[in-house]
PDB file of N, CA and C in Angstrom:
ATOM      1  N   UNK A   1      -6.177   6.782  -5.430  1.00  0.00           N
ATOM      2  CA  UNK A   1      -6.861   7.772  -4.554  1.00  0.00           C
ATOM      3  C   UNK A   1      -6.372   8.326  -3.451  1.00  0.00           C
ATOM      4  N   UNK A   2      -5.577   9.058  -3.348  1.00  0.00           N
ATOM      5  CA  UNK A   2      -4.820   9.586  -1.889  1.00  0.00           C
ATOM      6  C   UNK A   2      -5.633  10.178  -0.655  1.00  0.00           C
ATOM      7  N   UNK A   3      -5.403   9.262   0.240  1.00  0.00           N
ATOM      8  CA  UNK A   3      -6.241   9.702   1.363  1.00  0.00           C
ATOM      9  C   UNK A   3      -5.640  10.098   2.049  1.00  0.00           C
ATOM     10  N   UNK A   4      -6.275  10.553   3.874  1.00  0.00           N
ATOM     11  CA  UNK A   4      -5.665  11.103   5.246  1.00  0.00           C
ATOM     12  C   UNK A   4      -5.439   9.709   5.702  1.00  0.00           C
ATOM     13  N   UNK A   5      -5.099  10.000   6.934  1.00  0.00           N
ATOM     14  CA  UNK A   5      -4.580   8.592   7.645  1.00  0.00           C
ATOM     15  C   UNK A   5      -6.395   8.279   8.735  1.00  0.00           C
ATOM     16  N   UNK A   6      -6.393   9.702   8.568  1.00  0.00           N
ATOM     17  CA  UNK A   6      -8.403   9.401   9.316  1.00  0.00           C
ATOM     18  C   UNK A   6      -9.142   8.874   8.180  1.00  0.00           C
ATOM     19  N   UNK A   7      -9.229   9.413   7.515  1.00  0.00           N
ATOM     20  CA  UNK A   7     -10.349   8.356   6.066  1.00  0.00           C
ATOM     21  C   UNK A   7      -9.495   7.340   5.678  1.00  0.00           C
ATOM     22  N   UNK A   8      -8.043   7.033   5.639  1.00  0.00           N
ATOM     23  CA  UNK A   8      -7.644   5.553   5.500  1.00  0.00           C
ATOM     24  C   UNK A   8      -8.545   4.558   6.458  1.00  0.00           C
ATOM     25  N   UNK A   9      -7.538   5.046   7.108  1.00  0.00           N
ATOM     26  CA  UNK A   9      -7.921   3.581   8.507  1.00  0.00           C
ATOM     27  C   UNK A   9      -9.611   3.222   9.071  1.00  0.00           C
ATOM     28  N   UNK A  10     -10.361   5.341   8.333  1.00  0.00           N
ATOM     29  CA  UNK A  10     -11.974   4.180   8.576  1.00  0.00           C
ATOM     30  C   UNK A  10     -12.031   3.952   7.630  1.00  0.00           C
ATOM     31  N   UNK A  11     -11.799   3.559   6.157  1.00  0.00           N
ATOM     32  CA  UNK A  11     -12.178   3.029   4.672  1.00  0.00           C
ATOM     33  C   UNK A  11     -11.518   1.589   4.716  1.00  0.00           C
ATOM     34  N   UNK A  12     -10.799   1.252   6.035  1.00  0.00           N
ATOM     35  CA  UNK A  12     -10.023   0.194   6.123  1.00  0.00           C
ATOM     36  C   UNK A  12     -10.818  -1.092   6.808  1.00  0.00           C
ATOM     37  N   UNK A  13     -10.947  -0.108   8.167  1.00  0.00           N
ATOM     38  CA  UNK A  13     -11.961  -0.764   8.799  1.00  0.00           C
ATOM     39  C   UNK A  13     -13.372  -1.629   8.589  1.00  0.00           C
ATOM     40  N   UNK A  14     -14.283  -0.494   8.006  1.00  0.00           N
ATOM     41  CA  UNK A  14     -14.909  -1.017   6.875  1.00  0.00           C
ATOM     42  C   UNK A  14     -15.026  -2.265   5.602  1.00  0.00           C
ATOM     43  N   UNK A  15     -14.368  -2.310   5.317  1.00  0.00           N
ATOM     44  CA  UNK A  15     -13.673  -3.131   3.901  1.00  0.00           C
ATOM     45  C   UNK A  15     -13.033  -4.308   4.154  1.00  0.00           C
ATOM     46  N   UNK A  16     -14.376  -5.412   4.305  1.00  0.00           N
ATOM     47  CA  UNK A  16     -14.266  -6.854   4.536  1.00  0.00           C
ATOM     48  C   UNK A  16     -13.546  -7.486   3.129  1.00  0.00           C
ATOM     49  N   UNK A  17     -13.176  -5.991   2.104  1.00  0.00           N
ATOM     50  CA  UNK A  17     -12.486  -7.088   0.180  1.00  0.00           C
ATOM     51  C   UNK A  17     -10.917  -6.112   0.269  1.00  0.00           C
ATOM     52  N   UNK A  18     -10.458  -5.630   2.120  1.00  0.00           N
ATOM     53  CA  UNK A  18      -9.614  -4.797   1.419  1.00  0.00           C
ATOM     54  C   UNK A  18      -7.798  -5.897   1.974  1.00  0.00           C
ATOM     55  N   UNK A  19      -6.655  -4.624   1.198  1.00  0.00           N
ATOM     56  CA  UNK A  19      -5.638  -5.038   1.209  1.00  0.00           C
ATOM     57  C   UNK A  19      -5.442  -4.898   1.351  1.00  0.00           C
ATOM     58  N   UNK A  20      -3.291  -4.993   1.652  1.00  0.00           N
ATOM     59  CA  UNK A  20      -2.779  -3.452   2.667  1.00  0.00           C
ATOM     60  C   UNK A  20      -0.895  -3.370   2.388  1.00  0.00           C
ATOM     61  N   UNK A  21      -0.977  -2.809   1.447  1.00  0.00           N
ATOM     62  CA  UNK A  21       0.144  -3.227   0.554  1.00  0.00           C
ATOM     63  C   UNK A  21       0.950  -2.001   0.801  1.00  0.00           C
ATOM     64  N   UNK A  22       2.369  -2.699   1.251  1.00  0.00           N
ATOM     65  CA  UNK A  22       3.704  -1.674   1.564  1.00  0.00           C
ATOM     66  C   UNK A  22       4.605  -1.966   0.300  1.00  0.00           C
ATOM     67  N   UNK A  23       4.887  -0.514  -0.645  1.00  0.00           N
ATOM     68  CA  UNK A  23       5.649  -1.121  -1.104  1.00  0.00           C
ATOM     69  C   UNK A  23       7.107  -0.453  -0.661  1.00  0.00           C
ATOM     70  N   UNK A  24       7.699  -0.673   0.518  1.00  0.00           N
ATOM     71  CA  UNK A  24       8.737  -0.341   0.431  1.00  0.00           C
ATOM     72  C   UNK A  24      10.382  -1.040   0.830  1.00  0.00           C
ATOM     73  N   UNK A  25      11.093  -0.611   0.291  1.00  0.00           N
ATOM     74  CA  UNK A  25      12.058  -2.180   0.323  1.00  0.00           C
ATOM     75  C   UNK A  25      12.218  -3.208   1.200  1.00  0.00           C
ATOM     76  N   UNK A  26      12.794  -4.049   1.230  1.00  0.00           N
ATOM     77  CA  UNK A  26      12.791  -5.562   1.881  1.00  0.00           C
ATOM     78  C   UNK A  26      13.564  -4.917   3.402  1.00  0.00           C
ATOM     79  N   UNK A  27      14.111  -4.297   3.192  1.00  0.00           N
ATOM     80  CA  UNK A  27      14.821  -3.458   4.493  1.00  0.00           C
ATOM     81  C   UNK A  27      13.929  -2.979   5.450  1.00  0.00           C
ATOM     82  N   UNK A  28      13.313  -2.269   4.784  1.00  0.00           N
ATOM     83  CA  UNK A  28      12.309  -1.263   5.744  1.00  0.00           C
ATOM     84  C   UNK A  28      11.272  -1.483   6.529  1.00  0.00           C
ATOM     85  N   UNK A  29      10.247  -2.363   5.172  1.00  0.00           N
ATOM     86  CA  UNK A  29       9.516  -3.715   5.898  1.00  0.00           C
ATOM     87  C   UNK A  29       9.837  -3.709   6.580  1.00  0.00           C
ATOM     88  N   UNK A  30      10.851  -4.592   6.908  1.00  0.00           N
ATOM     89  CA  UNK A  30      11.106  -5.657   7.995  1.00  0.00           C
ATOM     90  C   UNK A  30      11.696  -4.700   9.374  1.00  0.00           C
ATOM     91  N   UNK A  31      11.368  -2.804   9.005  1.00  0.00           N
ATOM     92  CA  UNK A  31      11.824  -2.747  10.205  1.00  0.00           C
ATOM     93  C   UNK A  31      10.419  -1.983  11.114  1.00  0.00           C
ATOM     94  N   UNK A  32       9.489  -2.490  10.072  1.00  0.00           N
ATOM     95  CA  UNK A  32       8.531  -2.029  11.462  1.00  0.00           C
ATOM     96  C   UNK A  32       7.397  -2.117   9.810  1.00  0.00           C
ATOM     97  N   UNK A  33       6.678  -2.801  10.199  1.00  0.00           N
ATOM     98  CA  UNK A  33       5.268  -2.508   9.234  1.00  0.00           C
ATOM     99  C   UNK A  33       3.057  -2.560   9.123  1.00  0.00           C
ATOM    100  N   UNK A  34       2.365  -1.624   9.252  1.00  0.00           N
ATOM    101  CA  UNK A  34       1.714  -1.577   9.625  1.00  0.00           C
ATOM    102  C   UNK A  34       0.378  -3.228   9.467  1.00  0.00           C
ATOM    103  N   UNK A  35      -0.114  -3.573  10.665  1.00  0.00           N
ATOM    104  CA  UNK A  35      -0.350  -4.984  10.981  1.00  0.00           C
ATOM    105  C   UNK A  35      -1.179  -4.842   9.835  1.00  0.00           C
ATOM    106  N   UNK A  36      -0.383  -6.786   8.715  1.00  0.00           N
ATOM    107  CA  UNK A  36      -1.623  -7.417   7.484  1.00  0.00           C
ATOM    108  C   UNK A  36      -0.498  -7.038   6.560  1.00  0.00           C
ATOM    109  N   UNK A  37      -0.007  -6.706   6.739  1.00  0.00           N
ATOM    110  CA  UNK A  37       0.241  -5.378   5.214  1.00  0.00           C
ATOM    111  C   UNK A  37       1.690  -6.727   3.793  1.00  0.00           C
ATOM    112  N   UNK A  38       1.381  -6.953   3.007  1.00  0.00           N
ATOM    113  CA  UNK A  38       1.616  -7.278   1.865  1.00  0.00           C
ATOM    114  C   UNK A  38       3.331  -6.935   1.026  1.00  0.00           C
ATOM    115  N   UNK A  39       4.549  -7.322   0.621  1.00  0.00           N
ATOM    116  CA  UNK A  39       5.084  -6.017   0.770  1.00  0.00           C
ATOM    117  C   UNK A  39       5.428  -6.685   0.122  1.00  0.00           C
ATOM    118  N   UNK A  40       5.393  -5.819  -1.560  1.00  0.00           N
ATOM    119  CA  UNK A  40       5.635  -6.221  -3.013  1.00  0.00           C
ATOM    120  C   UNK A  40       6.383  -4.053  -2.917  1.00  0.00           C
ATOM    121  N   UNK A  41       7.762  -4.272  -3.389  1.00  0.00           N
ATOM    122  CA  UNK A  41       9.330  -3.288  -3.489  1.00  0.00           C
ATOM    123  C   UNK A  41       8.554  -2.775  -4.878  1.00  0.00           C
ATOM    124  N   UNK A  42       8.075  -1.266  -4.703  1.00  0.00           N
ATOM    125  CA  UNK A  42       8.290  -0.422  -6.043  1.00  0.00           C
ATOM    126  C   UNK A  42       9.630  -0.919  -6.847  1.00  0.00           C
ATOM    127  N   UNK A  43      10.680  -0.669  -5.804  1.00  0.00           N
ATOM    128  CA  UNK A  43      11.720  -0.564  -7.104  1.00  0.00           C
ATOM    129  C   UNK A  43      12.375  -1.633  -7.851  1.00  0.00           C
ATOM    130  N   UNK A  44      11.920  -2.231  -7.762  1.00  0.00           N
ATOM    131  CA  UNK A  44      11.951  -4.221  -8.166  1.00  0.00           C
ATOM    132  C   UNK A  44      11.559  -3.860  -9.884  1.00  0.00           C
ATOM    133  N   UNK A  45      10.863  -2.266 -10.314  1.00  0.00           N
ATOM    134  CA  UNK A  45      10.455  -2.375 -11.604  1.00  0.00           C
ATOM    135  C   UNK A  45       9.884  -3.164 -12.529  1.00  0.00           C
ATOM    136  N   UNK A  46      10.544  -4.131 -13.488  1.00  0.00           N
ATOM    137  CA  UNK A  46       9.157  -5.302 -13.999  1.00  0.00           C
ATOM    138  C   UNK A  46       8.543  -6.234 -13.120  1.00  0.00           C
ATOM    139  N   UNK A  47       9.393  -6.590 -11.739  1.00  0.00           N
ATOM    140  CA  UNK A  47       9.436  -7.997 -10.978  1.00  0.00           C
ATOM    141  C   UNK A  47       7.681  -7.295 -10.434  1.00  0.00           C
ATOM    142  N   UNK A  48       8.151  -5.603 -10.063  1.00  0.00           N
ATOM    143  CA  UNK A  48       6.640  -4.964  -9.193  1.00  0.00           C
ATOM    144  C   UNK A  48       5.515  -5.058  -9.918  1.00  0.00           C
ATOM    145  N   UNK A  49       6.229  -4.818 -11.084  1.00  0.00           N
ATOM    146  CA  UNK A  49       4.552  -5.223 -12.450  1.00  0.00           C
ATOM    147  C   UNK A  49       4.378  -5.496 -12.762  1.00  0.00           C
ATOM    148  N   UNK A  50       4.786  -6.752 -12.509  1.00  0.00           N
ATOM    149  CA  UNK A  50       4.038  -8.364 -12.553  1.00  0.00           C
ATOM    150  C   UNK A  50       3.478  -8.944 -11.342  1.00  0.00           C
ATOM    151  N   UNK A  51       4.011  -8.173 -10.458  1.00  0.00           N
ATOM    152  CA  UNK A  51       2.962  -9.049  -9.038  1.00  0.00           C
ATOM    153  C   UNK A  51       2.257  -8.532  -8.851  1.00  0.00           C
ATOM    154  N   UNK A  52       2.024  -6.804  -9.144  1.00  0.00           N
ATOM    155  CA  UNK A  52       0.963  -5.724  -9.659  1.00  0.00           C
ATOM    156  C   UNK A  52      -0.231  -6.985 -10.121  1.00  0.00           C
ATOM    157  N   UNK A  53       0.298  -7.498 -11.792  1.00  0.00           N
ATOM    158  CA  UNK A  53      -0.790  -7.869 -12.718  1.00  0.00           C
ATOM    159  C   UNK A  53      -0.837  -8.632 -11.521  1.00  0.00           C
ATOM    160  N   UNK A  54      -0.478  -9.667 -10.778  1.00  0.00           N
ATOM    161  CA  UNK A  54      -1.095 -11.402 -10.718  1.00  0.00           C
ATOM    162  C   UNK A  54      -2.554 -10.533  -9.597  1.00  0.00           C
ATOM    163  N   UNK A  55      -2.190  -9.657  -8.871  1.00  0.00           N
ATOM    164  CA  UNK A  55      -3.196  -9.196  -7.873  1.00  0.00           C
ATOM    165  C   UNK A  55      -4.914  -9.755  -7.957  1.00  0.00           C
ATOM    166  N   UNK A  56      -5.097  -9.505  -7.769  1.00  0.00           N
ATOM    167  CA  UNK A  56      -7.131  -9.757  -6.929  1.00  0.00           C
ATOM    168  C   UNK A  56      -7.430  -8.803  -7.586  1.00  0.00           C
ATOM    169  N   UNK A  57      -7.873  -8.245  -8.518  1.00  0.00           N
ATOM    170  CA  UNK A  57      -8.035  -6.675  -9.049  1.00  0.00           C
ATOM    171  C   UNK A  57      -9.406  -6.129  -8.693  1.00  0.00           C
ATOM    172  N   UNK A  58     -10.148  -7.226  -7.968  1.00  0.00           N
ATOM    173  CA  UNK A  58     -11.417  -7.167  -7.658  1.00  0.00           C
ATOM    174  C   UNK A  58     -11.729  -5.580  -5.887  1.00  0.00           C
ATOM    175  N   UNK A  59     -10.468  -6.680  -5.119  1.00  0.00           N
ATOM    176  CA  UNK A  59      -9.649  -6.304  -4.032  1.00  0.00           C
ATOM    177  C   UNK A  59      -9.987  -4.521  -4.060  1.00  0.00           C
ATOM    178  N   UNK A  60      -9.948  -4.174  -3.082  1.00  0.00           N
ATOM    179  CA  UNK A  60      -8.961  -2.955  -2.418  1.00  0.00           C
ATOM    180  C   UNK A  60      -7.971  -2.742  -0.893  1.00  0.00           C
ATOM    181  N   UNK A  61      -7.174  -2.122  -1.906  1.00  0.00           N
ATOM    182  CA  UNK A  61      -5.705  -1.939  -2.012  1.00  0.00           C
ATOM    183  C   UNK A  61      -5.124  -0.653  -1.446  1.00  0.00           C
ATOM    184  N   UNK A  62      -4.779  -0.725   0.633  1.00  0.00           N
ATOM    185  CA  UNK A  62      -4.200   0.450   0.879  1.00  0.00           C
ATOM    186  C   UNK A  62      -3.242   0.013   1.291  1.00  0.00           C
ATOM    187  N   UNK A  63      -2.232   1.192   0.854  1.00  0.00           N
ATOM    188  CA  UNK A  63      -1.049   1.750  -0.220  1.00  0.00           C
ATOM    189  C   UNK A  63      -0.568   2.244   0.491  1.00  0.00           C
ATOM    190  N   UNK A  64       0.843   1.632   1.705  1.00  0.00           N
ATOM    191  CA  UNK A  64       1.594   3.247   1.570  1.00  0.00           C
ATOM    192  C   UNK A  64       3.418   2.901   1.928  1.00  0.00           C
ATOM    193  N   UNK A  65       4.621   3.897   1.094  1.00  0.00           N
ATOM    194  CA  UNK A  65       5.419   3.617   1.194  1.00  0.00           C
ATOM    195  C   UNK A  65       5.715   4.845   3.101  1.00  0.00           C
ATOM    196  N   UNK A  66       7.249   5.046   3.211  1.00  0.00           N
ATOM    197  CA  UNK A  66       7.642   5.728   4.077  1.00  0.00           C
ATOM    198  C   UNK A  66       7.214   6.823   4.243  1.00  0.00           C
ATOM    199  N   UNK A  67       6.857   8.037   2.925  1.00  0.00           N
ATOM    200  CA  UNK A  67       7.283   9.012   2.536  1.00  0.00           C
ATOM    201  C   UNK A  67       5.453   9.363   2.004  1.00  0.00           C
ATOM    202  N   UNK A  68       4.480   8.364   1.229  1.00  0.00           N
ATOM    203  CA  UNK A  68       3.733   8.636   0.027  1.00  0.00           C
ATOM    204  C   UNK A  68       4.303   9.170  -0.932  1.00  0.00           C
ATOM    205  N   UNK A  69       5.044   9.150  -1.103  1.00  0.00           N
ATOM    206  CA  UNK A  69       5.266   9.365  -2.511  1.00  0.00           C
ATOM    207  C   UNK A  69       5.634   7.916  -3.735  1.00  0.00           C
ATOM    208  N   UNK A  70       6.173   7.353  -3.437  1.00  0.00           N
ATOM    209  CA  UNK A  70       6.940   5.799  -3.851  1.00  0.00           C
ATOM    210  C   UNK A  70       4.889   5.174  -3.761  1.00  0.00           C
ATOM    211  N   UNK A  71       4.121   5.347  -2.408  1.00  0.00           N
ATOM    212  CA  UNK A  71       2.643   4.648  -2.506  1.00  0.00           C
ATOM    213  C   UNK A  71       1.963   5.568  -3.830  1.00  0.00           C
ATOM    214  N   UNK A  72       2.181   6.497  -3.243  1.00  0.00           N
ATOM    215  CA  UNK A  72       1.507   7.415  -4.311  1.00  0.00           C
ATOM    216  C   UNK A  72       1.461   6.898  -6.259  1.00  0.00           C
ATOM    217  N   UNK A  73       2.967   6.341  -6.285  1.00  0.00           N
ATOM    218  CA  UNK A  73       3.288   6.548  -7.660  1.00  0.00           C
ATOM    219  C   UNK A  73       2.683   4.635  -7.600  1.00  0.00           C
ATOM    220  N   UNK A  74       3.259   3.723  -7.390  1.00  0.00           N
ATOM    221  CA  UNK A  74       2.207   2.484  -6.583  1.00  0.00           C
ATOM    222  C   UNK A  74       1.030   2.608  -7.393  1.00  0.00           C
ATOM    223  N   UNK A  75      -0.248   3.570  -6.650  1.00  0.00           N
ATOM    224  CA  UNK A  75      -1.731   3.629  -7.025  1.00  0.00           C
ATOM    225  C   UNK A  75      -2.069   3.490  -8.328  1.00  0.00           C
ATOM    226  N   UNK A  76      -0.758   5.023  -9.272  1.00  0.00           N
ATOM    227  CA  UNK A  76      -0.938   5.161 -10.324  1.00  0.00           C
ATOM    228  C   UNK A  76      -0.748   3.451 -11.278  1.00  0.00           C
ATOM    229  N   UNK A  77       0.396   3.037 -10.903  1.00  0.00           N
ATOM    230  CA  UNK A  77       0.681   2.071 -12.405  1.00  0.00           C
ATOM    231  C   UNK A  77      -0.577   1.283 -12.109  1.00  0.00           C
ATOM    232  N   UNK A  78      -1.303   0.840 -10.446  1.00  0.00           N
ATOM    233  CA  UNK A  78      -1.780   0.086  -9.922  1.00  0.00           C
ATOM    234  C   UNK A  78      -3.104  -0.021 -11.105  1.00  0.00           C
ATOM    235  N   UNK A  79      -3.002   1.308 -10.926  1.00  0.00           N
ATOM    236  CA  UNK A  79      -5.548   1.976 -11.867  1.00  0.00           C
ATOM    237  C   UNK A  79      -4.905   1.605 -12.751  1.00  0.00           C
ATOM    238  N   UNK A  80      -3.620   1.692 -13.478  1.00  0.00           N
ATOM    239  CA  UNK A  80      -3.144   1.393 -15.554  1.00  0.00           C
ATOM    240  C   UNK A  80      -3.331   0.381 -16.251  1.00  0.00           C
ATOM    241  N   UNK A  81      -3.541  -0.318 -14.346  1.00  0.00           N
ATOM    242  CA  UNK A  81      -2.806  -1.759 -14.287  1.00  0.00           C
ATOM    243  C   UNK A  81      -4.118  -2.621 -14.076  1.00  0.00           C
ATOM    244  N   UNK A  82      -5.293  -2.006 -14.287  1.00  0.00           N
ATOM    245  CA  UNK A  82      -6.757  -2.183 -14.024  1.00  0.00           C
ATOM    246  C   UNK A  82      -7.150  -2.458 -12.559  1.00  0.00           C
ATOM    247  N   UNK A  83      -6.606  -2.113 -11.404  1.00  0.00           N
ATOM    248  CA  UNK A  83      -6.860  -2.389 -10.052  1.00  0.00           C
ATOM    249  C   UNK A  83      -7.605  -0.753  -9.913  1.00  0.00           C
ATOM    250  N   UNK A  84      -8.874  -0.547  -9.859  1.00  0.00           N
ATOM    251  CA  UNK A  84      -9.884   0.719 -10.004  1.00  0.00           C
ATOM    252  C   UNK A  84      -9.716   1.068  -8.164  1.00  0.00           C
ATOM    253  N   UNK A  85      -9.719   0.629  -6.913  1.00  0.00           N
ATOM    254  CA  UNK A  85      -9.517   0.788  -5.851  1.00  0.00           C
ATOM    255  C   UNK A  85      -7.706   1.051  -5.106  1.00  0.00           C
ATOM    256  N   UNK A  86      -6.958   1.450  -5.723  1.00  0.00           N
ATOM    257  CA  UNK A  86      -5.910   1.614  -5.102  1.00  0.00           C
ATOM    258  C   UNK A  86      -5.978   3.097  -3.907  1.00  0.00           C
ATOM    259  N   UNK A  87      -5.858   2.774  -3.051  1.00  0.00           N
ATOM    260  CA  UNK A  87      -5.746   4.032  -1.932  1.00  0.00           C
ATOM    261  C   UNK A  87      -4.801   4.169  -1.249  1.00  0.00           C
ATOM    262  N   UNK A  88      -3.523   5.379  -1.413  1.00  0.00           N
ATOM    263  CA  UNK A  88      -2.303   5.827  -0.729  1.00  0.00           C
ATOM    264  C   UNK A  88      -2.734   6.785   0.255  1.00  0.00           C
ATOM    265  N   UNK A  89      -1.821   6.094   1.154  1.00  0.00           N
ATOM    266  CA  UNK A  89      -1.491   6.832   2.511  1.00  0.00           C
ATOM    267  C   UNK A  89      -0.923   7.837   2.035  1.00  0.00           C
ATOM    268  N   UNK A  90      -1.640   9.482   2.282  1.00  0.00           N
ATOM    269  CA  UNK A  90      -0.999  10.792   2.536  1.00  0.00           C
ATOM    270  C   UNK A  90      -0.259  10.532   3.690  1.00  0.00           C
ATOM    271  N   UNK A  91       1.553  10.966   3.338  1.00  0.00           N
ATOM    272  CA  UNK A  91       2.182  11.175   4.602  1.00  0.00           C
ATOM    273  C   UNK A  91       3.343   9.627   4.851  1.00  0.00           C
ATOM    274  N   UNK A  92       2.811   9.377   4.619  1.00  0.00           N
ATOM    275  CA  UNK A  92       3.187   7.257   4.480  1.00  0.00           C
ATOM    276  C   UNK A  92       3.311   7.074   6.188  1.00  0.00           C
ATOM    277  N   UNK A  93       4.803   5.892   6.524  1.00  0.00           N
ATOM    278  CA  UNK A  93       4.333   5.873   7.726  1.00  0.00           C
ATOM    279  C   UNK A  93       4.612   5.813   8.609  1.00  0.00           C
ATOM    280  N   UNK A  94       5.729   7.554   7.786  1.00  0.00           N
ATOM    281  CA  UNK A  94       6.228   8.302   8.576  1.00  0.00           C
ATOM    282  C   UNK A  94       4.562   9.379   9.784  1.00  0.00           C
ATOM    283  N   UNK A  95       4.251   9.836   9.007  1.00  0.00           N
ATOM    284  CA  UNK A  95       3.505  10.064   9.081  1.00  0.00           C
ATOM    285  C   UNK A  95       1.928   9.432  10.512  1.00  0.00           C
ATOM    286  N   UNK A  96       2.447   7.982  10.574  1.00  0.00           N
ATOM    287  CA  UNK A  96       1.911   7.007  10.741  1.00  0.00           C
ATOM    288  C   UNK A  96       1.885   7.076  12.720  1.00  0.00           C
ATOM    289  N   UNK A  97       0.303   7.407  12.457  1.00  0.00           N
ATOM    290  CA  UNK A  97      -0.037   6.702  14.360  1.00  0.00           C
ATOM    291  C   UNK A  97      -0.510   5.779  14.389  1.00  0.00           C
ATOM    292  N   UNK A  98      -0.799   5.316  14.575  1.00  0.00           N
ATOM    293  CA  UNK A  98      -1.182   3.920  14.924  1.00  0.00           C
ATOM    294  C   UNK A  98      -0.462   2.543  14.534  1.00  0.00           C
ATOM    295  N   UNK A  99      -0.253   1.529  14.825  1.00  0.00           N
ATOM    296  CA  UNK A  99       0.503   0.996  15.730  1.00  0.00           C
ATOM    297  C   UNK A  99       0.818   0.168  14.658  1.00  0.00           C
ATOM    298  N   UNK A 100       1.722   0.004  14.791  1.00  0.00           N
ATOM    299  CA  UNK A 100       3.303  -1.563  14.026  1.00  0.00           C
ATOM    300  C   UNK A 100       3.638  -2.064  14.695  1.00  0.00           C
ATOM    301  N   UNK A 101       4.289  -3.161  13.405  1.00  0.00           N
ATOM    302  CA  UNK A 101       4.307  -4.634  14.169  1.00  0.00           C
ATOM    303  C   UNK A 101       5.512  -5.184  13.651  1.00  0.00           C
ATOM    304  N   UNK A 102       6.321  -6.283  13.666  1.00  0.00           N
ATOM    305  CA  UNK A 102       7.628  -7.209  13.395  1.00  0.00           C
ATOM    306  C   UNK A 102       6.534  -7.541  11.866  1.00  0.00           C
ATOM    307  N   UNK A 103       7.592  -7.590  10.871  1.00  0.00           N
ATOM    308  CA  UNK A 103       6.289  -8.975   9.499  1.00  0.00           C
ATOM    309  C   UNK A 103       7.014 -10.253  10.374  1.00  0.00           C
TER     310      UNK A 103
END
């Protein structure tokens, strides 16, 4: 599901079952992240799929990338792998006006 930043943040703030997932490359991740994000690089193909399969399917995943394209694809893959609640940050970190931190 694609969410605007406002909706993504409001869902996230009220969600005790939330996990923030950054699907960018490690280099991009190291440039700054949304606080508490974990990194699983979508460009790693089969490794990405196996790491997603290992995630707790009962959690709610708030997914972002640089511009929103990779994270939209990641959410589709996550849905296919049985994760029902995967929320894409429309516009990605480029459109993010919240705080970022060093990983």
